[in-house]
């Protein structure tokens, strides 16, 4: 009840405006920003106060006009409250957007719109991963053979063991791939996100 009363007092007389979601590249890492503005573009919103924050914009997912934009933003921020990067009342000068929307930053893609995070690897990357796994498996086999031969011939055993170690720990560059799953939202929140994303 108290939250609703507080929200009512904070609500602007005209809640119309734009709801936006963007990825920011900052010196402290990548963050996702969810916000509301009456400015006509995200660049103008981020440039407000001449802080240079507009240079942090890496990707704008949506910038959508709504008659009740402030309410929409508040609904989403309340839903993702526990996932805020710095907390609801954060104003840490060592972190991005101190005093300029820091509490609306998220470390992860809370809305699930950053397609690059959920893209499956291409065939070349998958082949490289399989080849590296095969080589590591062969290296393990050589070490096992070397350990079995130790009682009989030390020289040949060392050859197999060293060959196996180089097969496992060789200096080949390993492809980096981290599979992420897209967040799942309650139907009402997902419907809201879809409507904003369609713009």
N, C-alpha and C. Protein backbone atom coordinates (compact mmCIF):
# COMPACT_ATOMS: atom_id res chain seq x y z
N UNK A 1 0.82 -1.19 0.00
CA UNK A 1 0.00 0.00 0.00
C UNK A 1 0.87 1.26 0.00
N UNK A 2 1.92 1.26 0.86
CA UNK A 2 2.82 2.40 0.96
C UNK A 2 3.51 2.67 -0.38
N UNK A 3 3.92 1.57 -1.08
CA UNK A 3 4.57 1.71 -2.38
C UNK A 3 3.66 2.42 -3.38
N UNK A 4 2.39 2.06 -3.38
CA UNK A 4 1.44 2.67 -4.32
C UNK A 4 1.25 4.15 -4.05
N UNK A 5 1.21 4.52 -2.77
CA UNK A 5 1.05 5.93 -2.40
C UNK A 5 2.30 6.71 -2.81
N UNK A 6 3.48 6.14 -2.52
CA UNK A 6 4.74 6.79 -2.87
C UNK A 6 4.83 6.95 -4.39
N UNK A 7 4.46 5.90 -5.11
CA UNK A 7 4.50 5.93 -6.57
C UNK A 7 3.56 7.02 -7.11
N UNK A 8 2.41 7.15 -6.50
CA UNK A 8 1.44 8.15 -6.94
C UNK A 8 2.00 9.57 -6.78
N UNK A 9 2.74 9.81 -5.65
CA UNK A 9 3.33 11.13 -5.41
C UNK A 9 4.49 11.42 -6.37
N UNK A 10 5.24 10.39 -6.75
CA UNK A 10 6.39 10.57 -7.64
C UNK A 10 5.98 10.68 -9.11
N UNK A 11 4.80 10.20 -9.43
CA UNK A 11 4.34 10.17 -10.83
C UNK A 11 4.26 11.58 -11.42
N UNK A 12 4.87 11.77 -12.60
CA UNK A 12 4.78 13.11 -13.21
C UNK A 12 3.34 13.42 -13.65
N UNK A 13 3.03 14.71 -13.76
CA UNK A 13 1.68 15.10 -14.19
C UNK A 13 1.36 14.55 -15.56
N UNK A 14 2.37 14.52 -16.41
CA UNK A 14 2.20 13.94 -17.75
C UNK A 14 3.13 12.74 -17.86
N UNK A 15 2.61 11.52 -17.72
CA UNK A 15 3.47 10.33 -17.73
C UNK A 15 3.88 9.88 -19.14
N UNK A 16 3.42 10.60 -20.16
CA UNK A 16 3.76 10.22 -21.54
C UNK A 16 5.24 10.47 -21.80
N UNK A 17 5.80 9.67 -22.67
CA UNK A 17 7.21 9.82 -23.02
C UNK A 17 7.70 8.57 -23.71
N UNK A 18 8.98 8.33 -23.61
CA UNK A 18 9.60 7.18 -24.26
C UNK A 18 10.21 6.24 -23.23
N UNK A 19 9.95 4.96 -23.43
CA UNK A 19 10.60 3.92 -22.63
C UNK A 19 11.72 3.38 -23.50
N UNK A 20 12.89 3.20 -22.92
CA UNK A 20 14.03 2.73 -23.72
C UNK A 20 14.78 1.62 -22.99
N UNK A 21 15.51 0.85 -23.82
CA UNK A 21 16.37 -0.21 -23.29
C UNK A 21 17.60 -0.23 -24.18
N UNK A 22 18.77 -0.13 -23.55
CA UNK A 22 20.00 -0.03 -24.32
C UNK A 22 21.14 -0.74 -23.60
N UNK A 23 22.13 -1.10 -24.39
CA UNK A 23 23.36 -1.68 -23.85
C UNK A 23 24.41 -0.58 -23.85
N UNK A 24 25.05 -0.39 -22.69
CA UNK A 24 26.08 0.64 -22.54
C UNK A 24 27.43 -0.03 -22.35
N UNK A 25 28.43 0.49 -23.00
CA UNK A 25 29.81 0.00 -22.82
C UNK A 25 30.54 1.04 -21.99
N UNK A 26 30.87 0.68 -20.76
CA UNK A 26 31.51 1.62 -19.83
C UNK A 26 32.90 1.12 -19.45
N UNK A 27 33.73 1.95 -18.84
CA UNK A 27 35.04 1.49 -18.37
C UNK A 27 34.93 0.35 -17.34
N UNK A 28 33.77 0.26 -16.67
CA UNK A 28 33.57 -0.80 -15.67
C UNK A 28 32.92 -2.05 -16.27
N UNK A 29 32.69 -2.06 -17.57
CA UNK A 29 32.07 -3.21 -18.23
C UNK A 29 30.77 -2.83 -18.91
N UNK A 30 30.12 -3.84 -19.49
CA UNK A 30 28.85 -3.62 -20.18
C UNK A 30 27.69 -3.65 -19.18
N UNK A 31 26.74 -2.74 -19.40
CA UNK A 31 25.53 -2.68 -18.58
C UNK A 31 24.33 -2.47 -19.50
N UNK A 32 23.17 -2.90 -19.02
CA UNK A 32 21.91 -2.67 -19.74
C UNK A 32 21.13 -1.63 -18.96
N UNK A 33 20.61 -0.64 -19.69
CA UNK A 33 19.87 0.44 -19.03
C UNK A 33 18.43 0.44 -19.51
N UNK A 34 17.54 0.46 -18.53
CA UNK A 34 16.10 0.52 -18.78
C UNK A 34 15.63 1.86 -18.23
N UNK A 35 14.94 2.65 -19.03
CA UNK A 35 14.55 3.96 -18.52
C UNK A 35 13.38 4.59 -19.24
N UNK A 36 13.05 5.77 -18.76
CA UNK A 36 11.96 6.59 -19.29
C UNK A 36 12.50 8.00 -19.50
N UNK A 37 12.08 8.63 -20.58
CA UNK A 37 12.49 10.01 -20.81
C UNK A 37 11.45 10.74 -21.65
N UNK A 38 11.42 12.06 -21.49
CA UNK A 38 10.56 12.87 -22.36
C UNK A 38 11.38 13.43 -23.51
N UNK A 39 12.67 13.15 -23.52
CA UNK A 39 13.55 13.59 -24.61
C UNK A 39 13.18 12.84 -25.89
N UNK A 40 13.45 13.43 -27.07
CA UNK A 40 13.06 12.80 -28.34
C UNK A 40 13.98 11.67 -28.82
N UNK A 41 15.14 11.48 -28.18
CA UNK A 41 16.03 10.38 -28.59
C UNK A 41 16.87 9.93 -27.40
N UNK A 42 17.40 8.73 -27.52
CA UNK A 42 18.25 8.20 -26.45
C UNK A 42 19.54 9.01 -26.35
N UNK A 43 20.08 9.41 -27.47
CA UNK A 43 21.32 10.21 -27.45
C UNK A 43 21.09 11.50 -26.67
N UNK A 44 19.96 12.17 -26.91
CA UNK A 44 19.68 13.41 -26.17
C UNK A 44 19.47 13.14 -24.68
N UNK A 45 18.82 12.02 -24.37
CA UNK A 45 18.62 11.67 -22.95
C UNK A 45 19.96 11.43 -22.26
N UNK A 46 20.84 10.67 -22.92
CA UNK A 46 22.12 10.34 -22.31
C UNK A 46 23.07 11.55 -22.28
N UNK A 47 22.89 12.49 -23.22
CA UNK A 47 23.74 13.68 -23.28
C UNK A 47 23.32 14.75 -22.27
N UNK A 48 22.17 14.55 -21.64
CA UNK A 48 21.65 15.54 -20.70
C UNK A 48 22.67 15.82 -19.59
N UNK A 49 22.93 17.07 -19.34
CA UNK A 49 23.88 17.46 -18.29
C UNK A 49 25.32 17.52 -18.79
N UNK A 50 25.53 17.33 -20.08
CA UNK A 50 26.87 17.39 -20.69
C UNK A 50 27.89 16.48 -20.01
N UNK A 51 27.46 15.29 -19.64
CA UNK A 51 28.35 14.35 -18.96
C UNK A 51 29.09 13.44 -19.94
N UNK A 52 28.65 13.44 -21.20
CA UNK A 52 29.28 12.56 -22.20
C UNK A 52 28.77 11.14 -22.17
N UNK A 53 27.69 10.89 -21.42
CA UNK A 53 27.15 9.53 -21.30
C UNK A 53 26.66 8.97 -22.64
N UNK A 54 26.34 9.85 -23.60
CA UNK A 54 25.86 9.37 -24.90
C UNK A 54 26.92 8.54 -25.62
N UNK A 55 28.19 8.74 -25.27
CA UNK A 55 29.29 7.98 -25.88
C UNK A 55 29.30 6.54 -25.39
N UNK A 56 28.60 6.26 -24.31
CA UNK A 56 28.56 4.90 -23.74
C UNK A 56 27.57 3.99 -24.48
N UNK A 57 26.68 4.56 -25.28
CA UNK A 57 25.65 3.75 -25.95
C UNK A 57 26.31 2.80 -26.93
N UNK A 58 26.12 1.51 -26.70
CA UNK A 58 26.65 0.48 -27.59
C UNK A 58 25.57 -0.03 -28.53
N UNK A 59 24.36 -0.18 -28.00
CA UNK A 59 23.25 -0.67 -28.82
C UNK A 59 21.93 -0.23 -28.19
N UNK A 60 21.03 0.30 -29.01
CA UNK A 60 19.69 0.67 -28.55
C UNK A 60 18.73 -0.43 -29.01
N UNK A 61 18.08 -1.09 -28.07
CA UNK A 61 17.15 -2.18 -28.41
C UNK A 61 15.78 -1.62 -28.78
N UNK A 62 15.30 -0.66 -27.99
CA UNK A 62 14.07 0.04 -28.36
C UNK A 62 14.03 1.40 -27.69
N UNK A 63 13.26 2.28 -28.31
CA UNK A 63 12.99 3.62 -27.79
C UNK A 63 11.56 3.89 -28.23
N UNK A 64 10.60 3.58 -27.36
CA UNK A 64 9.20 3.51 -27.75
C UNK A 64 8.34 4.53 -26.99
N UNK A 65 7.56 5.27 -27.75
CA UNK A 65 6.65 6.24 -27.14
C UNK A 65 5.44 5.53 -26.55
N UNK A 66 5.04 5.95 -25.34
CA UNK A 66 3.84 5.43 -24.67
C UNK A 66 3.16 6.59 -23.95
N UNK A 67 1.85 6.56 -23.93
CA UNK A 67 1.10 7.58 -23.19
C UNK A 67 1.34 7.44 -21.68
N UNK A 68 1.66 6.22 -21.25
CA UNK A 68 1.90 5.95 -19.83
C UNK A 68 3.34 5.45 -19.61
N UNK A 69 4.28 6.06 -20.31
CA UNK A 69 5.68 5.59 -20.31
C UNK A 69 6.27 5.50 -18.90
N UNK A 70 6.00 6.49 -18.06
CA UNK A 70 6.56 6.47 -16.71
C UNK A 70 6.05 5.24 -15.95
N UNK A 71 4.75 4.94 -16.09
CA UNK A 71 4.16 3.78 -15.40
C UNK A 71 4.76 2.47 -15.93
N UNK A 72 4.95 2.41 -17.23
CA UNK A 72 5.53 1.20 -17.85
C UNK A 72 6.94 0.98 -17.31
N UNK A 73 7.73 2.06 -17.30
CA UNK A 73 9.10 1.94 -16.79
C UNK A 73 9.09 1.48 -15.33
N UNK A 74 8.23 2.07 -14.51
CA UNK A 74 8.16 1.71 -13.09
C UNK A 74 7.75 0.24 -12.91
N UNK A 75 6.81 -0.23 -13.72
CA UNK A 75 6.39 -1.64 -13.65
C UNK A 75 7.57 -2.56 -13.92
N UNK A 76 8.34 -2.26 -14.97
CA UNK A 76 9.49 -3.10 -15.32
C UNK A 76 10.59 -3.01 -14.26
N UNK A 77 10.87 -1.79 -13.79
CA UNK A 77 11.91 -1.65 -12.76
C UNK A 77 11.54 -2.36 -11.47
N UNK A 78 10.27 -2.32 -11.10
CA UNK A 78 9.83 -3.04 -9.90
C UNK A 78 9.98 -4.55 -10.09
N UNK A 79 9.62 -5.02 -11.29
CA UNK A 79 9.72 -6.46 -11.55
C UNK A 79 11.17 -6.94 -11.48
N UNK A 80 12.10 -6.14 -12.00
CA UNK A 80 13.51 -6.54 -12.04
C UNK A 80 14.32 -5.91 -10.90
N UNK A 81 13.66 -5.48 -9.86
CA UNK A 81 14.29 -4.76 -8.76
C UNK A 81 15.50 -5.49 -8.17
N UNK A 82 15.41 -6.78 -7.97
CA UNK A 82 16.48 -7.54 -7.33
C UNK A 82 17.67 -7.78 -8.27
N UNK A 83 17.50 -7.48 -9.53
CA UNK A 83 18.58 -7.71 -10.50
C UNK A 83 19.33 -6.42 -10.85
N UNK A 84 18.98 -5.32 -10.20
CA UNK A 84 19.69 -4.07 -10.46
C UNK A 84 21.17 -4.24 -10.15
N UNK A 85 22.00 -3.62 -10.98
CA UNK A 85 23.45 -3.75 -10.80
C UNK A 85 23.93 -3.12 -9.50
N UNK A 86 23.34 -1.99 -9.12
CA UNK A 86 23.84 -1.25 -7.97
C UNK A 86 22.79 -0.94 -6.92
N UNK A 87 21.59 -1.43 -7.09
CA UNK A 87 20.54 -1.18 -6.12
C UNK A 87 19.69 0.02 -6.49
N UNK A 88 18.53 0.09 -5.88
CA UNK A 88 17.53 1.11 -6.21
C UNK A 88 17.97 2.54 -5.90
N UNK A 89 18.76 2.71 -4.86
CA UNK A 89 19.13 4.07 -4.44
C UNK A 89 20.63 4.34 -4.64
N UNK A 90 21.25 3.58 -5.51
CA UNK A 90 22.69 3.70 -5.73
C UNK A 90 23.08 5.06 -6.31
N UNK A 91 24.20 5.57 -5.83
CA UNK A 91 24.76 6.81 -6.35
C UNK A 91 26.28 6.78 -6.13
N UNK A 92 26.91 5.70 -6.56
CA UNK A 92 28.33 5.48 -6.36
C UNK A 92 29.13 6.23 -7.43
N UNK A 93 29.92 7.23 -7.04
CA UNK A 93 30.65 8.02 -8.03
C UNK A 93 31.71 7.23 -8.80
N UNK A 94 32.10 6.06 -8.30
CA UNK A 94 33.08 5.24 -8.99
C UNK A 94 32.45 4.38 -10.08
N UNK A 95 31.14 4.33 -10.11
CA UNK A 95 30.42 3.51 -11.08
C UNK A 95 29.72 4.39 -12.12
N UNK A 96 29.32 3.79 -13.25
CA UNK A 96 28.72 4.58 -14.33
C UNK A 96 27.41 5.26 -13.91
N UNK A 97 27.13 6.38 -14.53
CA UNK A 97 25.88 7.14 -14.41
C UNK A 97 25.53 7.54 -12.98
N UNK A 98 26.51 7.87 -12.19
CA UNK A 98 26.25 8.30 -10.82
C UNK A 98 25.40 9.56 -10.83
N UNK A 99 24.21 9.48 -10.23
CA UNK A 99 23.29 10.61 -10.19
C UNK A 99 22.55 10.84 -11.50
N UNK A 100 22.74 9.92 -12.47
CA UNK A 100 22.13 10.10 -13.79
C UNK A 100 21.46 8.81 -14.29
N UNK A 101 20.91 8.04 -13.37
CA UNK A 101 20.22 6.82 -13.77
C UNK A 101 20.96 5.54 -13.42
N UNK A 102 21.89 5.62 -12.47
CA UNK A 102 22.66 4.45 -12.07
C UNK A 102 21.78 3.31 -11.55
N UNK A 103 20.68 3.67 -10.90
CA UNK A 103 19.80 2.65 -10.32
C UNK A 103 19.02 1.87 -11.39
N UNK A 104 19.10 2.32 -12.63
CA UNK A 104 18.38 1.66 -13.73
C UNK A 104 19.31 0.79 -14.57
N UNK A 105 20.49 0.49 -14.03
CA UNK A 105 21.48 -0.33 -14.73
C UNK A 105 21.39 -1.79 -14.29
N UNK A 106 21.63 -2.68 -15.25
CA UNK A 106 21.63 -4.12 -15.00
C UNK A 106 22.88 -4.73 -15.62
N UNK A 107 23.46 -5.70 -14.93
CA UNK A 107 24.66 -6.37 -15.45
C UNK A 107 24.28 -7.35 -16.56
N UNK A 108 23.12 -7.96 -16.44
CA UNK A 108 22.70 -8.94 -17.45
C UNK A 108 21.53 -8.39 -18.26
N UNK A 109 21.28 -9.06 -19.38
CA UNK A 109 20.20 -8.66 -20.29
C UNK A 109 18.86 -9.11 -19.69
N UNK A 110 18.31 -8.30 -18.79
CA UNK A 110 17.09 -8.70 -18.07
C UNK A 110 15.88 -8.86 -18.99
N UNK A 111 15.83 -8.09 -20.08
CA UNK A 111 14.67 -8.19 -20.97
C UNK A 111 14.83 -9.30 -22.02
N UNK A 112 16.04 -9.83 -22.17
CA UNK A 112 16.26 -10.92 -23.11
C UNK A 112 16.24 -10.49 -24.57
N UNK A 113 16.73 -9.29 -24.86
CA UNK A 113 16.67 -8.77 -26.23
C UNK A 113 18.02 -8.71 -26.94
N UNK A 114 19.11 -9.01 -26.25
CA UNK A 114 20.44 -8.94 -26.86
C UNK A 114 20.72 -10.25 -27.61
N UNK A 115 20.33 -10.29 -28.87
CA UNK A 115 20.41 -11.52 -29.67
C UNK A 115 21.81 -12.11 -29.72
N UNK A 116 22.84 -11.27 -29.66
CA UNK A 116 24.22 -11.77 -29.71
C UNK A 116 24.53 -12.74 -28.57
N UNK A 117 23.86 -12.57 -27.45
CA UNK A 117 24.11 -13.44 -26.29
C UNK A 117 23.54 -14.84 -26.48
N UNK A 118 22.51 -14.96 -27.29
CA UNK A 118 21.79 -16.23 -27.38
C UNK A 118 22.02 -16.95 -28.71
N UNK A 119 22.87 -16.38 -29.55
CA UNK A 119 23.15 -16.96 -30.86
C UNK A 119 23.98 -18.23 -30.70
N UNK A 120 23.59 -19.28 -31.39
CA UNK A 120 24.33 -20.52 -31.37
C UNK A 120 25.60 -20.37 -32.20
N UNK A 121 26.65 -21.14 -31.88
CA UNK A 121 27.90 -21.01 -32.64
C UNK A 121 27.72 -21.51 -34.08
N UNK A 122 28.51 -20.97 -35.00
CA UNK A 122 28.44 -21.43 -36.38
C UNK A 122 29.16 -22.76 -36.52
N UNK A 123 29.10 -23.36 -37.69
CA UNK A 123 29.69 -24.69 -37.93
C UNK A 123 31.20 -24.71 -37.70
N UNK A 124 31.90 -23.65 -38.11
CA UNK A 124 33.36 -23.61 -37.93
C UNK A 124 33.73 -23.62 -36.45
N UNK A 125 32.98 -22.87 -35.63
CA UNK A 125 33.26 -22.85 -34.20
C UNK A 125 32.98 -24.20 -33.57
N UNK A 126 31.86 -24.83 -33.96
CA UNK A 126 31.53 -26.16 -33.44
C UNK A 126 32.60 -27.18 -33.82
N UNK A 127 33.09 -27.12 -35.07
CA UNK A 127 34.13 -28.05 -35.52
C UNK A 127 35.40 -27.86 -34.71
N UNK A 128 35.79 -26.59 -34.46
CA UNK A 128 36.99 -26.31 -33.66
C UNK A 128 36.84 -26.84 -32.24
N UNK A 129 35.66 -26.71 -31.67
CA UNK A 129 35.42 -27.23 -30.32
C UNK A 129 35.54 -28.75 -30.31
N UNK A 130 34.94 -29.40 -31.31
CA UNK A 130 35.03 -30.88 -31.40
C UNK A 130 36.47 -31.34 -31.60
N UNK A 131 37.22 -30.66 -32.49
CA UNK A 131 38.61 -31.03 -32.75
C UNK A 131 39.46 -30.91 -31.50
N UNK A 132 39.28 -29.82 -30.75
CA UNK A 132 40.05 -29.64 -29.52
C UNK A 132 39.70 -30.70 -28.48
N UNK A 133 38.43 -31.07 -28.41
CA UNK A 133 38.02 -32.11 -27.48
C UNK A 133 38.64 -33.44 -27.88
N UNK A 134 38.68 -33.73 -29.18
CA UNK A 134 39.30 -34.98 -29.67
C UNK A 134 40.78 -35.03 -29.34
N UNK A 135 41.49 -33.89 -29.54
CA UNK A 135 42.91 -33.84 -29.25
C UNK A 135 43.18 -34.02 -27.75
N UNK A 136 42.34 -33.43 -26.93
CA UNK A 136 42.50 -33.59 -25.48
C UNK A 136 42.27 -35.04 -25.08
N UNK A 137 41.29 -35.68 -25.73
CA UNK A 137 41.03 -37.10 -25.46
C UNK A 137 42.20 -37.97 -25.86
N UNK A 138 42.82 -37.67 -27.01
CA UNK A 138 43.99 -38.42 -27.46
C UNK A 138 45.15 -38.21 -26.49
N UNK A 139 45.29 -36.99 -25.98
CA UNK A 139 46.35 -36.71 -25.01
C UNK A 139 46.17 -37.53 -23.75
N UNK A 140 44.96 -37.69 -23.30
CA UNK A 140 44.68 -38.51 -22.11
C UNK A 140 45.05 -39.97 -22.36
N UNK A 141 44.76 -40.44 -23.57
CA UNK A 141 45.08 -41.83 -23.92
C UNK A 141 46.59 -42.04 -23.89
N UNK A 142 47.37 -41.09 -24.44
CA UNK A 142 48.83 -41.21 -24.42
C UNK A 142 49.36 -41.25 -22.99
N UNK A 143 48.82 -40.43 -22.11
CA UNK A 143 49.26 -40.43 -20.71
C UNK A 143 48.95 -41.77 -20.06
N UNK A 144 47.77 -42.31 -20.32
CA UNK A 144 47.40 -43.61 -19.76
C UNK A 144 48.35 -44.71 -20.24
N UNK A 145 48.67 -44.72 -21.54
CA UNK A 145 49.61 -45.74 -22.08
C UNK A 145 50.97 -45.57 -21.43
N UNK A 146 51.42 -44.28 -21.29
CA UNK A 146 52.71 -44.04 -20.66
C UNK A 146 52.75 -44.54 -19.22
N UNK A 147 51.68 -44.36 -18.48
CA UNK A 147 51.64 -44.82 -17.09
C UNK A 147 51.66 -46.35 -17.01
N UNK A 148 51.00 -46.99 -17.96
CA UNK A 148 51.00 -48.47 -17.99
C UNK A 148 52.38 -49.02 -18.29
N UNK A 149 53.14 -48.34 -19.17
CA UNK A 149 54.45 -48.83 -19.59
C UNK A 149 55.58 -48.49 -18.61
N UNK A 150 55.34 -47.66 -17.60
CA UNK A 150 56.41 -47.25 -16.67
C UNK A 150 57.16 -48.45 -16.07
N UNK A 151 56.48 -49.50 -15.60
CA UNK A 151 57.24 -50.60 -15.00
C UNK A 151 58.16 -51.31 -16.00
N UNK A 152 57.87 -51.22 -17.28
CA UNK A 152 58.63 -51.97 -18.28
C UNK A 152 59.72 -51.14 -18.93
N UNK A 153 59.43 -49.95 -19.35
CA UNK A 153 60.43 -49.13 -20.03
C UNK A 153 60.17 -47.66 -19.74
N UNK A 154 61.08 -47.08 -19.03
CA UNK A 154 60.92 -45.70 -18.60
C UNK A 154 60.97 -44.71 -19.76
N UNK A 155 61.86 -44.89 -20.70
CA UNK A 155 62.03 -43.96 -21.82
C UNK A 155 60.77 -43.87 -22.68
N UNK A 156 60.23 -45.02 -23.05
CA UNK A 156 59.02 -45.02 -23.89
C UNK A 156 57.85 -44.45 -23.10
N UNK A 157 57.78 -44.74 -21.82
CA UNK A 157 56.70 -44.21 -20.98
C UNK A 157 56.72 -42.70 -20.96
N UNK A 158 57.93 -42.12 -20.77
CA UNK A 158 58.05 -40.67 -20.75
C UNK A 158 57.62 -40.06 -22.08
N UNK A 159 57.96 -40.75 -23.19
CA UNK A 159 57.56 -40.26 -24.52
C UNK A 159 56.03 -40.15 -24.60
N UNK A 160 55.33 -41.21 -24.16
CA UNK A 160 53.87 -41.20 -24.22
C UNK A 160 53.28 -40.15 -23.26
N UNK A 161 53.84 -40.05 -22.06
CA UNK A 161 53.31 -39.10 -21.07
C UNK A 161 53.50 -37.67 -21.56
N UNK A 162 54.71 -37.33 -22.04
CA UNK A 162 54.96 -35.98 -22.52
C UNK A 162 54.13 -35.67 -23.77
N UNK A 163 53.98 -36.65 -24.63
CA UNK A 163 53.13 -36.46 -25.82
C UNK A 163 51.69 -36.20 -25.42
N UNK A 164 51.22 -36.93 -24.42
CA UNK A 164 49.84 -36.73 -23.96
C UNK A 164 49.64 -35.37 -23.33
N UNK A 165 50.62 -34.94 -22.54
CA UNK A 165 50.51 -33.62 -21.90
C UNK A 165 50.49 -32.52 -22.95
N UNK A 166 51.36 -32.65 -23.98
CA UNK A 166 51.36 -31.61 -25.02
C UNK A 166 50.05 -31.63 -25.81
N UNK A 167 49.43 -32.80 -25.94
CA UNK A 167 48.14 -32.88 -26.63
C UNK A 167 47.03 -32.20 -25.85
N UNK A 168 47.11 -32.27 -24.53
CA UNK A 168 46.09 -31.65 -23.69
C UNK A 168 46.36 -30.16 -23.50
N UNK A 169 47.61 -29.84 -23.20
CA UNK A 169 47.94 -28.46 -22.85
C UNK A 169 48.69 -27.71 -23.95
N UNK A 170 48.56 -28.16 -25.17
CA UNK A 170 49.21 -27.49 -26.29
C UNK A 170 48.79 -26.04 -26.38
N UNK A 171 49.54 -25.24 -27.09
CA UNK A 171 49.29 -23.80 -27.13
C UNK A 171 48.26 -23.40 -28.18
N UNK A 172 47.40 -24.30 -28.57
CA UNK A 172 46.36 -23.93 -29.54
C UNK A 172 45.37 -23.00 -28.87
N UNK A 173 44.94 -22.03 -29.65
CA UNK A 173 43.95 -21.09 -29.10
C UNK A 173 42.59 -21.77 -29.07
N UNK A 174 42.03 -21.82 -27.89
CA UNK A 174 40.74 -22.47 -27.72
C UNK A 174 39.62 -21.51 -28.09
N UNK A 175 38.63 -21.96 -28.89
CA UNK A 175 37.50 -21.07 -29.17
C UNK A 175 36.69 -20.85 -27.89
N UNK A 176 36.31 -19.62 -27.69
CA UNK A 176 35.55 -19.28 -26.49
C UNK A 176 34.07 -19.22 -26.88
N UNK A 177 33.28 -20.02 -26.19
CA UNK A 177 31.84 -19.99 -26.43
C UNK A 177 31.12 -20.27 -25.14
N UNK A 178 30.29 -19.34 -24.76
CA UNK A 178 29.51 -19.49 -23.54
C UNK A 178 28.03 -19.42 -23.93
N UNK A 179 27.33 -20.52 -23.73
CA UNK A 179 25.92 -20.56 -24.10
C UNK A 179 25.08 -19.97 -22.98
N UNK A 180 24.24 -19.01 -23.35
CA UNK A 180 23.34 -18.39 -22.37
C UNK A 180 21.91 -18.67 -22.78
N UNK A 181 21.08 -18.84 -21.79
CA UNK A 181 19.66 -19.03 -22.09
C UNK A 181 18.93 -17.71 -21.89
N UNK A 182 17.98 -17.46 -22.75
CA UNK A 182 17.19 -16.24 -22.70
C UNK A 182 16.31 -16.27 -21.45
N UNK A 183 16.20 -15.15 -20.73
CA UNK A 183 15.34 -15.14 -19.53
C UNK A 183 13.87 -15.38 -19.88
N UNK A 184 13.18 -16.05 -18.97
CA UNK A 184 11.75 -16.32 -19.14
C UNK A 184 11.00 -15.42 -18.17
N UNK A 185 9.99 -14.71 -18.67
CA UNK A 185 9.26 -13.75 -17.87
C UNK A 185 7.81 -14.19 -17.68
N UNK A 186 7.14 -13.69 -16.65
CA UNK A 186 5.70 -13.93 -16.51
C UNK A 186 4.99 -13.37 -17.74
N UNK A 187 3.85 -13.95 -18.13
CA UNK A 187 3.16 -13.52 -19.36
C UNK A 187 2.89 -12.01 -19.45
N UNK A 188 2.49 -11.38 -18.37
CA UNK A 188 2.18 -9.94 -18.42
C UNK A 188 3.43 -9.12 -18.72
N UNK A 189 4.55 -9.49 -18.11
CA UNK A 189 5.81 -8.77 -18.34
C UNK A 189 6.29 -9.02 -19.77
N UNK A 190 6.20 -10.27 -20.23
CA UNK A 190 6.64 -10.58 -21.59
C UNK A 190 5.80 -9.83 -22.62
N UNK A 191 4.51 -9.74 -22.37
CA UNK A 191 3.62 -9.00 -23.28
C UNK A 191 4.03 -7.53 -23.35
N UNK A 192 4.37 -6.96 -22.21
CA UNK A 192 4.83 -5.57 -22.14
C UNK A 192 6.13 -5.38 -22.91
N UNK A 193 7.08 -6.29 -22.71
CA UNK A 193 8.37 -6.23 -23.41
C UNK A 193 8.15 -6.35 -24.91
N UNK A 194 7.30 -7.29 -25.33
CA UNK A 194 7.03 -7.48 -26.76
C UNK A 194 6.42 -6.22 -27.37
N UNK A 195 5.50 -5.59 -26.67
CA UNK A 195 4.84 -4.38 -27.19
C UNK A 195 5.87 -3.25 -27.33
N UNK A 196 6.76 -3.11 -26.36
CA UNK A 196 7.79 -2.06 -26.44
C UNK A 196 8.78 -2.35 -27.56
N UNK A 197 9.15 -3.61 -27.71
CA UNK A 197 10.13 -4.00 -28.70
C UNK A 197 9.60 -3.84 -30.13
N UNK A 198 8.30 -4.01 -30.30
CA UNK A 198 7.69 -3.80 -31.62
C UNK A 198 7.62 -2.31 -31.95
N UNK A 199 7.60 -1.49 -30.87
CA UNK A 199 7.59 -0.04 -31.01
C UNK A 199 6.40 0.46 -31.71
